Amino acid sequence: MGRLLKLLLYLVLLGGLALIAYAYIGPFLGADFSPPQDEIRQPVILNAE
């Protein structure tokens, strides 16, 4: 059981490091992490009398 938990911990750490590496290296590989830049206008109705 201890081996299984140790293996799981190693896999979680490896996955976290891979995610961090992808976040830094991704833009050089063509990944675009920026949000869409669209202006949205919506009317606001206030119930003030």
PDB file of N, CA and C in Angstrom:
ATOM      1  N   MET A   1       0.829  -1.194   0.000  1.00  0.00           N
ATOM      2  CA  MET A   1       0.000   0.000   0.000  1.00  0.00           C
ATOM      3  C   MET A   1       0.872   1.256   0.000  1.00  0.00           C
ATOM      4  N   GLY A   2       1.984   1.195   0.703  1.00  0.00           N
ATOM      5  CA  GLY A   2       2.892   2.337   0.732  1.00  0.00           C
ATOM      6  C   GLY A   2       3.506   2.621  -0.623  1.00  0.00           C
ATOM      7  N   ARG A   3       3.800   1.565  -1.382  1.00  0.00           N
ATOM      8  CA  ARG A   3       4.346   1.743  -2.729  1.00  0.00           C
ATOM      9  C   ARG A   3       3.355   2.463  -3.632  1.00  0.00           C
ATOM     10  N   LEU A   4       2.099   2.083  -3.509  1.00  0.00           N
ATOM     11  CA  LEU A   4       1.052   2.687  -4.340  1.00  0.00           C
ATOM     12  C   LEU A   4       0.906   4.171  -4.025  1.00  0.00           C
ATOM     13  N   LEU A   5       0.930   4.531  -2.757  1.00  0.00           N
ATOM     14  CA  LEU A   5       0.815   5.938  -2.383  1.00  0.00           C
ATOM     15  C   LEU A   5       2.031   6.732  -2.836  1.00  0.00           C
ATOM     16  N   LYS A   6       3.200   6.129  -2.733  1.00  0.00           N
ATOM     17  CA  LYS A   6       4.416   6.803  -3.182  1.00  0.00           C
ATOM     18  C   LYS A   6       4.377   7.021  -4.693  1.00  0.00           C
ATOM     19  N   LEU A   7       3.931   6.008  -5.433  1.00  0.00           N
ATOM     20  CA  LEU A   7       3.810   6.134  -6.884  1.00  0.00           C
ATOM     21  C   LEU A   7       2.796   7.220  -7.246  1.00  0.00           C
ATOM     22  N   LEU A   8       1.678   7.248  -6.543  1.00  0.00           N
ATOM     23  CA  LEU A   8       0.666   8.265  -6.794  1.00  0.00           C
ATOM     24  C   LEU A   8       1.208   9.660  -6.508  1.00  0.00           C
ATOM     25  N   LEU A   9       1.959   9.808  -5.440  1.00  0.00           N
ATOM     26  CA  LEU A   9       2.565  11.102  -5.107  1.00  0.00           C
ATOM     27  C   LEU A   9       3.545  11.528  -6.186  1.00  0.00           C
ATOM     28  N   TYR A  10       4.360  10.601  -6.673  1.00  0.00           N
ATOM     29  CA  TYR A  10       5.295  10.924  -7.746  1.00  0.00           C
ATOM     30  C   TYR A  10       4.567  11.341  -9.019  1.00  0.00           C
ATOM     31  N   LEU A  11       3.483  10.666  -9.338  1.00  0.00           N
ATOM     32  CA  LEU A  11       2.720  11.015 -10.535  1.00  0.00           C
ATOM     33  C   LEU A  11       2.072  12.384 -10.415  1.00  0.00           C
ATOM     34  N   VAL A  12       1.570  12.712  -9.227  1.00  0.00           N
ATOM     35  CA  VAL A  12       0.972  14.031  -9.015  1.00  0.00           C
ATOM     36  C   VAL A  12       2.031  15.121  -9.139  1.00  0.00           C
ATOM     37  N   LEU A  13       3.199  14.901  -8.543  1.00  0.00           N
ATOM     38  CA  LEU A  13       4.282  15.889  -8.646  1.00  0.00           C
ATOM     39  C   LEU A  13       4.760  16.040 -10.085  1.00  0.00           C
ATOM     40  N   LEU A  14       4.891  14.940 -10.793  1.00  0.00           N
ATOM     41  CA  LEU A  14       5.310  14.993 -12.186  1.00  0.00           C
ATOM     42  C   LEU A  14       4.279  15.710 -13.047  1.00  0.00           C
ATOM     43  N   GLY A  15       3.012  15.455 -12.805  1.00  0.00           N
ATOM     44  CA  GLY A  15       1.955  16.150 -13.545  1.00  0.00           C
ATOM     45  C   GLY A  15       1.945  17.637 -13.251  1.00  0.00           C
ATOM     46  N   GLY A  16       2.157  18.014 -11.994  1.00  0.00           N
ATOM     47  CA  GLY A  16       2.223  19.436 -11.647  1.00  0.00           C
ATOM     48  C   GLY A  16       3.388  20.133 -12.314  1.00  0.00           C
ATOM     49  N   LEU A  17       4.553  19.476 -12.319  1.00  0.00           N
ATOM     50  CA  LEU A  17       5.712  20.062 -12.991  1.00  0.00           C
ATOM     51  C   LEU A  17       5.490  20.177 -14.502  1.00  0.00           C
ATOM     52  N   ALA A  18       4.830  19.190 -15.082  1.00  0.00           N
ATOM     53  CA  ALA A  18       4.532  19.241 -16.516  1.00  0.00           C
ATOM     54  C   ALA A  18       3.566  20.376 -16.829  1.00  0.00           C
ATOM     55  N   LEU A  19       2.593  20.605 -15.970  1.00  0.00           N
ATOM     56  CA  LEU A  19       1.642  21.700 -16.183  1.00  0.00           C
ATOM     57  C   LEU A  19       2.330  23.054 -16.075  1.00  0.00           C
ATOM     58  N   ILE A  20       3.214  23.199 -15.095  1.00  0.00           N
ATOM     59  CA  ILE A  20       3.962  24.454 -14.948  1.00  0.00           C
ATOM     60  C   ILE A  20       4.879  24.674 -16.146  1.00  0.00           C
ATOM     61  N   ALA A  21       5.541  23.621 -16.602  1.00  0.00           N
ATOM     62  CA  ALA A  21       6.415  23.744 -17.768  1.00  0.00           C
ATOM     63  C   ALA A  21       5.617  24.127 -19.005  1.00  0.00           C
ATOM     64  N   TYR A  22       4.442  23.555 -19.184  1.00  0.00           N
ATOM     65  CA  TYR A  22       3.609  23.894 -20.341  1.00  0.00           C
ATOM     66  C   TYR A  22       3.129  25.348 -20.267  1.00  0.00           C
ATOM     67  N   ALA A  23       2.860  25.839 -19.063  1.00  0.00           N
ATOM     68  CA  ALA A  23       2.421  27.220 -18.921  1.00  0.00           C
ATOM     69  C   ALA A  23       3.517  28.188 -19.352  1.00  0.00           C
ATOM     70  N   TYR A  24       4.764  27.848 -19.092  1.00  0.00           N
ATOM     71  CA  TYR A  24       5.868  28.721 -19.477  1.00  0.00           C
ATOM     72  C   TYR A  24       6.317  28.511 -20.916  1.00  0.00           C
ATOM     73  N   ILE A  25       6.304  27.278 -21.390  1.00  0.00           N
ATOM     74  CA  ILE A  25       6.823  26.974 -22.723  1.00  0.00           C
ATOM     75  C   ILE A  25       5.722  27.019 -23.789  1.00  0.00           C
ATOM     76  N   GLY A  26       4.469  26.907 -23.382  1.00  0.00           N
ATOM     77  CA  GLY A  26       3.351  26.852 -24.324  1.00  0.00           C
ATOM     78  C   GLY A  26       3.286  27.980 -25.333  1.00  0.00           C
ATOM     79  N   PRO A  27       3.455  29.256 -24.914  1.00  0.00           N
ATOM     80  CA  PRO A  27       3.401  30.332 -25.915  1.00  0.00           C
ATOM     81  C   PRO A  27       4.485  30.228 -26.992  1.00  0.00           C
ATOM     82  N   PHE A  28       5.635  29.660 -26.675  1.00  0.00           N
ATOM     83  CA  PHE A  28       6.674  29.470 -27.687  1.00  0.00           C
ATOM     84  C   PHE A  28       6.311  28.358 -28.661  1.00  0.00           C
ATOM     85  N   LEU A  29       5.432  27.463 -28.243  1.00  0.00           N
ATOM     86  CA  LEU A  29       5.015  26.348 -29.089  1.00  0.00           C
ATOM     87  C   LEU A  29       3.734  26.644 -29.858  1.00  0.00           C
ATOM     88  N   GLY A  30       3.168  27.841 -29.673  1.00  0.00           N
ATOM     89  CA  GLY A  30       1.983  28.225 -30.429  1.00  0.00           C
ATOM     90  C   GLY A  30       0.695  28.218 -29.637  1.00  0.00           C
ATOM     91  N   ALA A  31       0.732  27.919 -28.352  1.00  0.00           N
ATOM     92  CA  ALA A  31      -0.484  27.934 -27.533  1.00  0.00           C
ATOM     93  C   ALA A  31      -0.802  29.380 -27.152  1.00  0.00           C
ATOM     94  N   ASP A  32      -2.049  29.776 -27.288  1.00  0.00           N
ATOM     95  CA  ASP A  32      -2.473  31.136 -26.970  1.00  0.00           C
ATOM     96  C   ASP A  32      -3.349  31.094 -25.726  1.00  0.00           C
ATOM     97  N   PHE A  33      -2.860  31.652 -24.634  1.00  0.00           N
ATOM     98  CA  PHE A  33      -3.579  31.615 -23.370  1.00  0.00           C
ATOM     99  C   PHE A  33      -4.345  32.907 -23.090  1.00  0.00           C
ATOM    100  N   SER A  34      -4.316  33.862 -24.007  1.00  0.00           N
ATOM    101  CA  SER A  34      -4.977  35.138 -23.752  1.00  0.00           C
ATOM    102  C   SER A  34      -6.492  35.013 -23.950  1.00  0.00           C
ATOM    103  N   PRO A  35      -7.279  35.733 -23.152  1.00  0.00           N
ATOM    104  CA  PRO A  35      -8.735  35.689 -23.308  1.00  0.00           C
ATOM    105  C   PRO A  35      -9.161  36.486 -24.539  1.00  0.00           C
ATOM    106  N   PRO A  36     -10.346  36.205 -25.071  1.00  0.00           N
ATOM    107  CA  PRO A  36     -10.828  36.977 -26.220  1.00  0.00           C
ATOM    108  C   PRO A  36     -11.071  38.433 -25.827  1.00  0.00           C
ATOM    109  N   GLN A  37     -10.687  39.356 -26.712  1.00  0.00           N
ATOM    110  CA  GLN A  37     -10.784  40.782 -26.427  1.00  0.00           C
ATOM    111  C   GLN A  37     -11.995  41.380 -27.157  1.00  0.00           C
ATOM    112  N   ASP A  38     -13.191  41.059 -26.707  1.00  0.00           N
ATOM    113  CA  ASP A  38     -14.414  41.590 -27.284  1.00  0.00           C
ATOM    114  C   ASP A  38     -15.096  42.495 -26.275  1.00  0.00           C
ATOM    115  N   GLU A  39     -15.591  43.626 -26.768  1.00  0.00           N
ATOM    116  CA  GLU A  39     -16.324  44.536 -25.896  1.00  0.00           C
ATOM    117  C   GLU A  39     -17.786  44.109 -25.849  1.00  0.00           C
ATOM    118  N   ILE A  40     -18.327  44.012 -24.660  1.00  0.00           N
ATOM    119  CA  ILE A  40     -19.717  43.595 -24.476  1.00  0.00           C
ATOM    120  C   ILE A  40     -20.450  44.715 -23.764  1.00  0.00           C
ATOM    121  N   ARG A  41     -21.530  45.179 -24.353  1.00  0.00           N
ATOM    122  CA  ARG A  41     -22.358  46.225 -23.737  1.00  0.00           C
ATOM    123  C   ARG A  41     -23.738  45.656 -23.476  1.00  0.00           C
ATOM    124  N   GLN A  42     -24.193  45.799 -22.237  1.00  0.00           N
ATOM    125  CA  GLN A  42     -25.522  45.340 -21.866  1.00  0.00           C
ATOM    126  C   GLN A  42     -26.200  46.442 -21.068  1.00  0.00           C
ATOM    127  N   PRO A  43     -27.481  46.711 -21.368  1.00  0.00           N
ATOM    128  CA  PRO A  43     -28.178  47.735 -20.610  1.00  0.00           C
ATOM    129  C   PRO A  43     -28.459  47.256 -19.167  1.00  0.00           C
ATOM    130  N   VAL A  44     -28.413  48.205 -18.259  1.00  0.00           N
ATOM    131  CA  VAL A  44     -28.684  47.908 -16.840  1.00  0.00           C
ATOM    132  C   VAL A  44     -29.962  48.615 -16.451  1.00  0.00           C
ATOM    133  N   ILE A  45     -30.930  47.884 -15.926  1.00  0.00           N
ATOM    134  CA  ILE A  45     -32.217  48.451 -15.501  1.00  0.00           C
ATOM    135  C   ILE A  45     -32.195  48.525 -13.986  1.00  0.00           C
ATOM    136  N   LEU A  46     -32.293  49.754 -13.464  1.00  0.00           N
ATOM    137  CA  LEU A  46     -32.298  49.955 -12.022  1.00  0.00           C
ATOM    138  C   LEU A  46     -33.738  50.126 -11.551  1.00  0.00           C
ATOM    139  N   ASN A  47     -34.088  49.556 -10.412  1.00  0.00           N
ATOM    140  CA  ASN A  47     -35.434  49.668  -9.869  1.00  0.00           C
ATOM    141  C   ASN A  47     -35.512  50.797  -8.849  1.00  0.00           C
ATOM    142  N   ALA A  48     -34.923  51.941  -9.153  1.00  0.00           N
ATOM    143  CA  ALA A  48     -34.954  53.082  -8.252  1.00  0.00           C
ATOM    144  C   ALA A  48     -36.132  53.984  -8.646  1.00  0.00           C
ATOM    145  N   GLU A  49     -36.891  54.410  -7.652  1.00  0.00           N
ATOM    146  CA  GLU A  49     -38.053  55.279  -7.953  1.00  0.00           C
ATOM    147  C   GLU A  49     -37.882  56.625  -7.319  1.00  0.00           C
TER     148      GLU A  49
END
